[in-house]
Amino acid sequence: MMRADSWNWRSRQGALVAAGAAAALVVALGLGLMSRHAAQSTVPQLSSTLQPRPFAATLGLVGAIVPGDSVDVVAPFDAVVRSVHFEYGAAVTAGQTLVELDASEVSQRRNEAEAGYLKASRAAEALANWSTGAEASRARRAVNTAASDLNDMERKIREVKGLLDRGLVARGEYDGLVQQRRGQETALAAARQDLDEVLARGQASNRREAALDLQNARLQLARLNGQMAGAVVRAPTDGIIVRPPGKAEAAEAVHAGQALTRGQLIGSIARSGGLAVAFQLSETDANRVRPGMAVTVTGPGFGDIVASGHVSAVAGEAAPTTAAGGPLASFPAVARLDGLTPRQAAAVRIGMTANVVVDLYRSPAALVAPTAAIQGAAPAAWVRVKNPHGEGSRVVPVKLGQSAPDGIEILAGLKAGDVVVWDAPAGPVAP
């Protein structure tokens, strides 16, 4: 009996302990759920009522002022610089002397070309009247002379033959005359062949060949005459002469005694009012920026000047890594500036740093939601919209448009007057 009572007591004691532990667990879970619910109910919510308003998406970049409309100045032929009459960065006027070149070698080649032209001219002129020319006339006279000699020989042979038949001359004399006639017949045939060959040289194909030779000689002479005239290199237009593209500021300038090759750039003249901005676009921005987009340009050296313009070109090929200045690909782009006033043109100089703002997109009446209200990502983005006739909110899928610092354009899913809600950012955690 004692053992049974002791076992029953221990059993009841164990059951009481287990029941107490279970009750404590339920209370703890309840308190946790209540705390979580209370925490959720105390998170503040922000809201925004959507109404159509002007909206613009822009892209800010940094570039440099470059010549927009320029004319290259090149060496007209291989030569050594005799003298230089300009400085890079200075204003020049059309016709101003820039460089004088040593033209002694070109002068020699020009004289040789003139001699070739005169020779070709005589040949073409001779072939133009070939059938009545001196050589054809000499060949005809040779034929006539040979024919006349043969006729005389034929007459003499007839006379001697008559005397031979009468026994008045020896047979040998007659045979000698016949032998001479054979020689004269051969001479006449040769003269006629020579005449045919001479006349053949005046055929249309030969005259065409001579005309082409003359034309080539004329063009060669004209080209060298032009090079001779280019020995004094003059400015083709008004503007600012700058170093050739790709040359560093510290690169060696054109100087007296320097050897130039034909076509080598001496400099580029940026026409007055023809300035542009060169800048680089990242891979993500290369497809967002397109020619024709408006730009505004400012710079630390411009003062209060705000220039306007438009994107004129976006490269279809990435710049080399060394030119881009980083491991990622970048794409060169150029924006042409609109015409500058004299005051602006005096302040905006080639090579200055330029801050470029590209107008990517602009709408006069767009629905714009705060960036924090957008959940998810396109094309599965959504927002919470406050229920119009009660508490709470509902999830609404939206189609996103352009983004800007002040919000993201909503293209579909919402309408004017909708109220979007979102949780306020969490504050700092208390220690």
Protein backbone atom coordinates (compact mmCIF):
# COMPACT_ATOMS: atom_id res chain seq x y z
CA MET A 1 0.00 0.00 0.00
CA MET A 2 2.74 2.39 0.79
CA ARG A 3 4.38 1.77 -2.62
CA ALA A 4 1.13 2.26 -4.51
CA ASP A 5 0.35 5.51 -2.73
CA SER A 6 3.89 6.77 -3.39
CA TRP A 7 3.60 5.92 -7.12
CA ASN A 8 0.22 7.68 -7.40
CA TRP A 9 1.56 10.77 -5.75
CA ARG A 10 4.56 10.93 -8.05
CA SER A 11 2.30 10.43 -11.06
CA ARG A 12 0.01 13.26 -10.03
CA GLN A 13 3.03 15.49 -9.36
CA GLY A 14 4.45 14.80 -12.87
CA ALA A 15 1.14 15.57 -14.51
CA LEU A 16 0.87 18.87 -12.66
CA VAL A 17 4.38 19.86 -13.78
CA ALA A 18 3.64 18.97 -17.41
CA ALA A 19 0.39 20.91 -17.34
CA GLY A 20 2.16 23.94 -15.90
CA ALA A 21 4.83 23.86 -18.61
CA ALA A 22 2.23 23.64 -21.35
CA ALA A 23 0.33 26.59 -19.90
CA ALA A 24 3.51 28.64 -19.75
CA LEU A 25 4.27 27.82 -23.41
CA VAL A 26 0.80 28.92 -24.50
CA VAL A 27 1.11 32.17 -22.59
CA ALA A 28 4.53 32.84 -24.14
CA LEU A 29 3.27 32.20 -27.65
CA GLY A 30 0.30 34.44 -27.05
CA LEU A 31 2.45 37.22 -25.76
CA GLY A 32 4.77 36.84 -28.80
CA LEU A 33 1.88 37.04 -31.26
CA MET A 34 0.44 40.02 -29.42
CA SER A 35 3.82 41.75 -29.47
CA ARG A 36 4.22 41.07 -33.21
CA HIS A 37 0.73 42.35 -33.96
CA ALA A 38 1.33 45.40 -31.84
CA ALA A 39 4.62 46.04 -33.59
CA GLN A 40 2.95 45.78 -37.01
CA SER A 41 0.09 48.01 -36.00
CA THR A 42 2.48 50.67 -34.73
CA VAL A 43 4.59 50.93 -38.00
CA PRO A 44 3.66 54.34 -39.47
CA GLN A 45 2.47 54.47 -43.06
CA LEU A 46 3.07 57.17 -45.66
CA SER A 47 0.74 57.97 -48.53
CA SER A 48 0.62 60.02 -51.71
CA THR A 49 -2.34 61.02 -53.83
CA LEU A 50 -1.52 60.71 -57.54
CA GLN A 51 -2.36 63.65 -59.75
CA PRO A 52 -1.06 64.45 -63.28
CA ARG A 53 1.94 66.76 -63.15
CA PRO A 54 4.95 67.70 -65.30
CA PHE A 55 7.66 65.08 -65.18
CA ALA A 56 11.18 64.95 -66.60
CA ALA A 57 13.88 62.30 -66.52
CA THR A 58 17.43 63.59 -67.01
CA LEU A 59 20.97 62.22 -67.03
CA GLY A 60 23.92 64.17 -65.68
CA LEU A 61 27.37 63.69 -67.21
CA VAL A 62 30.76 65.38 -67.31
CA GLY A 63 32.59 66.09 -70.55
CA ALA A 64 34.78 68.66 -72.27
CA ILE A 65 34.26 71.41 -74.83
CA VAL A 66 35.51 70.38 -78.28
CA PRO A 67 35.26 71.86 -81.79
CA GLY A 68 31.84 71.06 -83.17
CA ASP A 69 32.17 72.34 -86.72
CA SER A 70 35.80 72.25 -87.75
CA VAL A 71 37.92 72.26 -90.89
CA ASP A 72 41.16 70.29 -90.98
CA VAL A 73 44.37 71.93 -92.17
CA VAL A 74 46.71 69.38 -93.77
CA ALA A 75 50.08 69.35 -95.50
CA PRO A 76 49.52 69.39 -99.30
CA PHE A 77 52.71 67.39 -100.03
CA ASP A 78 55.80 65.92 -98.39
CA ALA A 79 57.93 68.85 -97.35
CA VAL A 80 59.91 70.49 -94.59
CA VAL A 81 58.35 73.38 -92.67
CA ARG A 82 60.08 76.62 -93.52
CA SER A 83 58.19 78.91 -91.11
CA VAL A 84 55.11 78.92 -88.84
CA HIS A 85 52.82 81.95 -88.46
CA PHE A 86 50.21 80.86 -85.88
CA GLU A 87 49.77 79.56 -82.33
CA TYR A 88 47.36 76.84 -81.28
CA GLY A 89 44.31 78.23 -79.53
CA ALA A 90 44.53 81.59 -81.33
CA ALA A 91 41.88 83.08 -83.60
CA VAL A 92 42.65 83.05 -87.32
CA THR A 93 40.91 84.61 -90.32
CA ALA A 94 40.22 83.09 -93.74
CA GLY A 95 43.26 83.48 -96.01
CA GLN A 96 45.70 84.07 -93.16
CA THR A 97 49.12 82.47 -93.71
CA LEU A 98 49.64 79.58 -91.30
CA VAL A 99 52.69 77.67 -92.55
CA GLU A 100 55.25 78.07 -95.33
CA LEU A 101 56.73 74.86 -96.77
CA ASP A 102 59.94 74.19 -98.69
CA ALA A 103 58.74 73.41 -102.26
CA SER A 104 62.08 72.74 -104.00
CA GLU A 105 61.40 69.00 -104.48
CA VAL A 106 57.88 69.64 -105.71
CA SER A 107 59.20 72.28 -108.09
CA GLN A 108 61.53 69.72 -109.67
CA ARG A 109 58.74 67.19 -110.10
CA ARG A 110 56.52 69.92 -111.52
CA ASN A 111 59.12 70.74 -114.21
CA GLU A 112 59.37 67.07 -115.15
CA ALA A 113 55.58 66.91 -115.39
CA GLU A 114 55.51 69.95 -117.67
CA ALA A 115 58.08 68.34 -119.98
CA GLY A 116 55.98 65.20 -120.11
CA TYR A 117 52.88 67.27 -120.87
CA LEU A 118 54.57 69.05 -123.78
CA LYS A 119 55.75 65.74 -125.24
CA ALA A 120 52.30 64.18 -124.91
CA SER A 121 50.73 67.28 -126.44
CA ARG A 122 52.93 67.06 -129.54
CA ALA A 123 52.19 63.36 -129.94
CA ALA A 124 48.45 63.86 -129.64
CA GLU A 125 48.52 66.76 -132.09
CA ALA A 126 50.48 64.70 -134.61
CA LEU A 127 48.04 61.80 -134.39
CA ALA A 128 45.03 64.09 -134.68
CA ASN A 129 46.14 64.98 -138.29
CA TRP A 130 48.13 61.84 -138.92
CA SER A 131 46.91 61.06 -142.45
CA THR A 132 48.09 64.46 -143.67
CA GLY A 133 51.09 64.72 -141.39
CA ALA A 134 54.77 64.81 -142.32
CA GLU A 135 55.46 61.11 -141.79
CA ALA A 136 52.49 59.97 -143.87
CA SER A 137 53.46 62.48 -146.59
CA ARG A 138 57.02 61.08 -146.74
CA ALA A 139 55.66 57.53 -147.04
CA ARG A 140 53.39 58.57 -149.90
CA ARG A 141 56.28 60.30 -151.71
CA ALA A 142 58.33 57.13 -151.36
CA VAL A 143 55.54 55.09 -152.97
CA ASN A 144 55.14 57.61 -155.78
CA THR A 145 58.88 57.67 -156.42
CA ALA A 146 59.11 53.87 -156.53
CA ALA A 147 56.12 53.67 -158.86
CA SER A 148 57.59 56.33 -161.16
CA ASP A 149 60.95 54.53 -161.31
CA LEU A 150 59.17 51.28 -162.14
CA ASN A 151 57.21 52.97 -164.93
CA ASP A 152 60.41 54.38 -166.40
CA MET A 153 62.02 50.97 -166.24
CA GLU A 154 59.02 49.37 -167.97
CA ARG A 155 59.28 51.94 -170.80
CA LYS A 156 63.04 51.42 -171.19
CA ILE A 157 62.62 47.64 -171.27
CA ARG A 158 60.07 47.95 -174.08
CA GLU A 159 62.44 50.13 -176.09
CA VAL A 160 65.42 47.75 -175.60
CA LYS A 161 63.21 44.78 -176.43
CA GLY A 162 62.38 46.37 -179.79
CA LEU A 163 66.10 46.92 -180.49
CA LEU A 164 66.87 43.38 -179.38
CA ASP A 165 64.33 41.95 -181.77
CA ARG A 166 65.99 43.89 -184.60
CA GLY A 167 69.42 42.65 -183.52
CA LEU A 168 70.71 46.07 -182.63
CA VAL A 169 71.57 45.40 -178.94
CA ALA A 170 73.05 42.50 -177.06
CA ARG A 171 70.90 40.05 -175.12
CA GLY A 172 72.78 40.82 -171.92
CA GLU A 173 71.69 44.45 -171.92
CA TYR A 174 68.06 43.41 -172.08
CA ASP A 175 68.43 40.84 -169.29
CA GLY A 176 70.10 43.47 -167.05
CA LEU A 177 67.13 45.78 -167.44
CA VAL A 178 64.71 42.97 -166.56
CA GLN A 179 66.75 42.27 -163.41
CA GLN A 180 66.57 45.94 -162.44
CA ARG A 181 62.80 45.90 -162.94
CA ARG A 182 62.47 43.10 -160.40
CA GLY A 183 64.35 45.19 -157.84
CA GLN A 184 62.15 48.23 -158.49
CA GLU A 185 59.02 46.11 -158.13
CA THR A 186 60.30 44.94 -154.75
CA ALA A 187 61.07 48.55 -153.74
CA LEU A 188 57.54 49.65 -154.69
CA ALA A 189 55.99 46.84 -152.66
CA ALA A 190 58.13 47.80 -149.65
CA ALA A 191 57.18 51.47 -150.00
CA ARG A 192 53.50 50.58 -150.12
CA GLN A 193 53.88 48.38 -147.02
CA ASP A 194 55.63 51.22 -145.19
CA LEU A 195 52.77 53.57 -146.14
CA ASP A 196 50.19 51.13 -144.78
CA GLU A 197 52.10 50.81 -141.52
CA VAL A 198 52.43 54.58 -141.18
CA LEU A 199 48.73 55.14 -141.81
CA ALA A 200 47.86 52.35 -139.30
CA ARG A 201 49.60 54.29 -136.54
CA GLY A 202 46.97 56.99 -136.94
CA GLN A 203 44.04 54.66 -136.25
CA ALA A 204 41.37 55.55 -133.68
CA SER A 205 42.83 53.33 -130.92
CA ASN A 206 46.23 55.02 -131.21
CA ARG A 207 44.67 58.46 -131.25
CA ARG A 208 42.68 57.50 -128.12
CA GLU A 209 45.82 56.31 -126.39
CA ALA A 210 47.62 59.56 -127.20
CA ALA A 211 44.62 61.57 -125.94
CA LEU A 212 44.64 59.63 -122.64
CA ASP A 213 48.39 60.17 -122.25
CA LEU A 214 47.85 63.87 -122.80
CA GLN A 215 45.01 63.98 -120.27
CA ASN A 216 47.08 62.18 -117.64
CA ALA A 217 50.00 64.52 -118.23
CA ARG A 218 47.70 67.53 -117.94
CA LEU A 219 46.22 66.25 -114.64
CA GLN A 220 49.65 65.49 -113.21
CA LEU A 221 50.86 68.98 -114.11
CA ALA A 222 47.73 70.56 -112.61
CA ARG A 223 48.15 68.56 -109.39
CA LEU A 224 51.75 69.63 -108.97
CA ASN A 225 50.83 73.23 -109.81
CA GLY A 226 48.26 73.03 -107.02
CA GLN A 227 50.85 71.65 -104.63
CA MET A 228 53.20 74.43 -105.57
CA ALA A 229 50.49 76.95 -104.80
CA GLY A 230 49.91 75.14 -101.48
CA ALA A 231 53.46 75.71 -100.37
CA VAL A 232 51.96 78.62 -98.46
CA VAL A 233 49.28 77.01 -96.26
CA ARG A 234 46.47 79.44 -95.51
CA ALA A 235 43.48 79.28 -93.18
CA PRO A 236 40.42 78.09 -95.12
CA THR A 237 37.94 79.78 -92.76
CA ASP A 238 37.61 82.00 -89.71
CA GLY A 239 37.80 80.37 -86.30
CA ILE A 240 40.09 79.03 -83.58
CA ILE A 241 42.94 76.79 -84.66
CA VAL A 242 43.46 73.85 -82.32
CA ARG A 243 45.78 70.90 -82.18
CA PRO A 244 44.91 67.80 -84.21
CA PRO A 245 42.50 65.44 -82.39
CA GLY A 246 44.26 62.97 -80.15
CA LYS A 247 47.26 65.21 -79.41
CA ALA A 248 47.90 66.03 -75.80
CA GLU A 249 48.27 69.64 -74.80
CA ALA A 250 51.93 69.07 -74.14
CA ALA A 251 52.55 67.46 -77.55
CA GLU A 252 55.11 69.01 -79.85
CA ALA A 253 53.64 71.79 -81.99
CA VAL A 254 54.42 72.21 -85.68
CA HIS A 255 57.74 74.03 -85.93
CA ALA A 256 60.23 75.20 -88.52
CA GLY A 257 62.44 72.39 -89.81
CA GLN A 258 59.85 69.70 -89.11
CA ALA A 259 59.26 67.15 -91.89
CA LEU A 260 55.60 66.75 -92.82
CA THR A 261 54.06 64.04 -94.95
CA ARG A 262 51.32 64.61 -97.50
CA GLY A 263 47.92 64.71 -95.75
CA GLN A 264 49.40 65.09 -92.25
CA LEU A 265 47.22 67.19 -89.95
CA ILE A 266 48.65 70.55 -89.03
CA GLY A 267 45.61 71.57 -86.99
CA SER A 268 41.83 71.96 -87.04
CA ILE A 269 40.00 75.28 -87.26
CA ALA A 270 36.89 75.38 -85.09
CA ARG A 271 34.48 77.71 -86.79
CA SER A 272 33.06 80.54 -84.73
CA GLY A 273 29.92 79.41 -82.92
CA GLY A 274 30.52 75.78 -83.80
CA LEU A 275 31.30 74.23 -80.42
CA ALA A 276 30.30 70.86 -79.01
CA VAL A 277 30.68 68.76 -75.87
CA ALA A 278 32.30 65.32 -75.92
CA PHE A 279 31.41 62.88 -73.15
CA GLN A 280 31.31 59.18 -72.36
CA LEU A 281 28.21 57.02 -71.78
CA SER A 282 28.14 53.86 -69.68
CA GLU A 283 26.75 50.61 -71.06
CA THR A 284 23.38 51.21 -69.39
CA ASP A 285 23.09 54.79 -70.62
CA ALA A 286 24.26 54.14 -74.20
CA ASN A 287 20.80 52.91 -75.22
CA ARG A 288 18.97 55.63 -73.28
CA VAL A 289 20.65 58.57 -74.98
CA ARG A 290 19.74 59.13 -78.62
CA PRO A 291 20.67 61.79 -81.21
CA GLY A 292 18.30 64.75 -81.10
CA MET A 293 17.79 64.80 -77.33
CA ALA A 294 18.05 68.26 -75.79
CA VAL A 295 20.93 69.09 -73.46
CA THR A 296 21.86 71.93 -71.15
CA VAL A 297 25.52 72.64 -70.51
CA THR A 298 27.21 74.46 -67.67
CA GLY A 299 30.75 74.49 -66.40
CA PRO A 300 32.98 75.79 -63.65
CA GLY A 301 34.63 78.13 -66.13
CA PHE A 302 31.40 79.42 -67.72
CA GLY A 303 30.26 81.57 -64.86
CA ASP A 304 26.48 82.00 -64.99
CA ILE A 305 26.24 80.87 -68.63
CA VAL A 306 23.82 78.02 -69.35
CA ALA A 307 24.19 76.82 -72.93
CA SER A 308 21.69 74.66 -74.74
CA GLY A 309 22.08 72.15 -77.55
CA HIS A 310 21.25 68.64 -78.64
CA VAL A 311 22.91 65.23 -78.85
CA SER A 312 24.39 64.90 -82.34
CA ALA A 313 26.04 61.48 -82.19
CA VAL A 314 26.33 58.36 -80.03
CA ALA A 315 29.04 55.90 -81.00
CA GLY A 316 27.95 52.44 -82.04
CA GLU A 317 31.22 50.94 -80.82
CA ALA A 318 32.70 51.11 -77.35
CA ALA A 319 35.82 53.17 -76.82
CA PRO A 320 39.06 51.30 -76.02
CA THR A 321 39.52 50.59 -72.33
CA THR A 322 42.53 52.90 -72.11
CA ALA A 323 40.52 55.77 -73.60
CA ALA A 324 37.54 55.09 -71.35
CA GLY A 325 39.67 55.19 -68.24
CA GLY A 326 38.23 52.07 -66.58
CA PRO A 327 37.55 48.35 -66.98
CA LEU A 328 33.93 48.82 -68.10
CA ALA A 329 32.96 49.67 -71.66
CA SER A 330 31.97 53.23 -72.43
CA PHE A 331 30.61 54.83 -75.58
CA PRO A 332 31.73 58.25 -76.86
CA ALA A 333 28.97 60.78 -77.56
CA VAL A 334 28.87 64.37 -78.79
CA ALA A 335 26.35 67.14 -78.18
CA ARG A 336 26.33 70.20 -80.45
CA LEU A 337 25.77 73.55 -78.78
CA ASP A 338 23.33 76.06 -80.18
CA GLY A 339 24.69 79.37 -81.42
CA LEU A 340 26.44 81.32 -78.68
CA THR A 341 26.28 85.03 -78.14
CA PRO A 342 29.58 86.94 -78.40
CA ARG A 343 29.77 87.08 -74.59
CA GLN A 344 29.18 83.33 -74.30
CA ALA A 345 31.65 82.53 -77.10
CA ALA A 346 34.32 84.53 -75.30
CA ALA A 347 33.77 82.58 -72.05
CA VAL A 348 33.27 79.05 -73.38
CA ARG A 349 36.68 77.84 -74.53
CA ILE A 350 37.80 74.61 -76.16
CA GLY A 351 39.05 72.10 -73.59
CA MET A 352 37.00 73.43 -70.66
CA THR A 353 35.18 71.01 -68.37
CA ALA A 354 31.46 70.86 -69.13
CA ASN A 355 28.57 69.54 -67.03
CA VAL A 356 26.00 68.04 -69.38
CA VAL A 357 22.38 67.33 -68.47
CA VAL A 358 20.62 65.21 -71.11
CA ASP A 359 16.84 65.53 -71.26
CA LEU A 360 15.92 61.84 -71.61
CA TYR A 361 12.16 62.16 -71.27
CA ARG A 362 9.59 64.85 -70.59
CA SER A 363 5.81 64.67 -70.07
CA PRO A 364 3.49 67.59 -69.28
CA ALA A 365 1.01 65.42 -67.35
CA ALA A 366 2.29 62.17 -65.85
CA LEU A 367 1.25 60.06 -62.86
CA VAL A 368 4.34 59.81 -60.68
CA ALA A 369 4.62 57.55 -57.64
CA PRO A 370 7.29 57.91 -54.97
CA THR A 371 10.15 55.49 -55.44
CA ALA A 372 9.62 54.05 -51.94
CA ALA A 373 6.04 53.08 -52.86
CA ILE A 374 7.15 50.75 -55.68
CA GLN A 375 7.46 47.13 -54.64
CA GLY A 376 9.13 44.45 -56.73
CA ALA A 377 10.70 45.18 -60.09
CA ALA A 378 9.51 45.55 -63.67
CA PRO A 379 7.67 43.83 -65.23
CA ALA A 380 6.21 42.48 -61.94
CA ALA A 381 6.16 45.74 -59.97
CA TRP A 382 3.20 46.54 -57.70
CA VAL A 383 2.01 49.13 -55.20
CA ARG A 384 -0.45 49.20 -52.33
CA VAL A 385 -3.46 51.42 -52.97
CA LYS A 386 -5.70 52.62 -50.17
CA ASN A 387 -9.26 51.32 -50.39
CA PRO A 388 -11.55 54.22 -51.31
CA HIS A 389 -14.49 53.21 -49.04
CA GLY A 390 -12.89 51.60 -46.04
CA GLU A 391 -9.75 50.86 -44.13
CA GLY A 392 -6.86 48.83 -45.42
CA SER A 393 -5.22 48.66 -48.81
CA ARG A 394 -4.99 46.38 -51.82
CA VAL A 395 -2.16 45.27 -54.07
CA VAL A 396 -2.26 46.71 -57.60
CA PRO A 397 0.19 45.64 -60.38
CA VAL A 398 1.63 48.63 -62.27
CA LYS A 399 3.58 49.25 -65.46
CA LEU A 400 6.59 51.49 -64.86
CA GLY A 401 7.95 54.19 -67.15
CA GLN A 402 10.90 56.53 -66.73
CA SER A 403 12.51 57.12 -63.34
CA ALA A 404 13.80 60.33 -61.82
CA PRO A 405 14.98 61.43 -58.37
CA ASP A 406 11.48 62.65 -57.50
CA GLY A 407 9.67 59.43 -58.45
CA ILE A 408 8.81 56.86 -61.10
CA GLU A 409 6.28 57.38 -63.87
CA ILE A 410 3.28 55.03 -63.79
CA LEU A 411 2.16 54.09 -67.29
CA ALA A 412 -0.67 51.69 -66.40
CA GLY A 413 -2.47 50.27 -63.36
CA LEU A 414 -3.33 53.51 -61.53
CA LYS A 415 -5.46 56.53 -62.20
CA ALA A 416 -5.61 60.11 -61.01
CA GLY A 417 -6.88 60.33 -57.42
CA ASP A 418 -5.54 56.93 -56.31
CA VAL A 419 -3.76 57.01 -52.95
CA VAL A 420 -0.68 54.82 -52.74
CA VAL A 421 0.57 53.82 -49.29
CA TRP A 422 3.80 52.36 -48.06
CA ASP A 423 5.57 51.73 -44.77
CA ALA A 424 7.74 54.49 -43.44
CA PRO A 425 11.43 53.67 -43.16
CA ALA A 426 12.36 52.07 -39.86
CA GLY A 427 14.06 54.39 -37.41
CA PRO A 428 17.26 53.61 -35.52
CA VAL A 429 17.03 50.64 -33.15
CA ALA A 430 17.01 51.65 -29.48
CA PRO A 431 19.89 50.21 -27.42
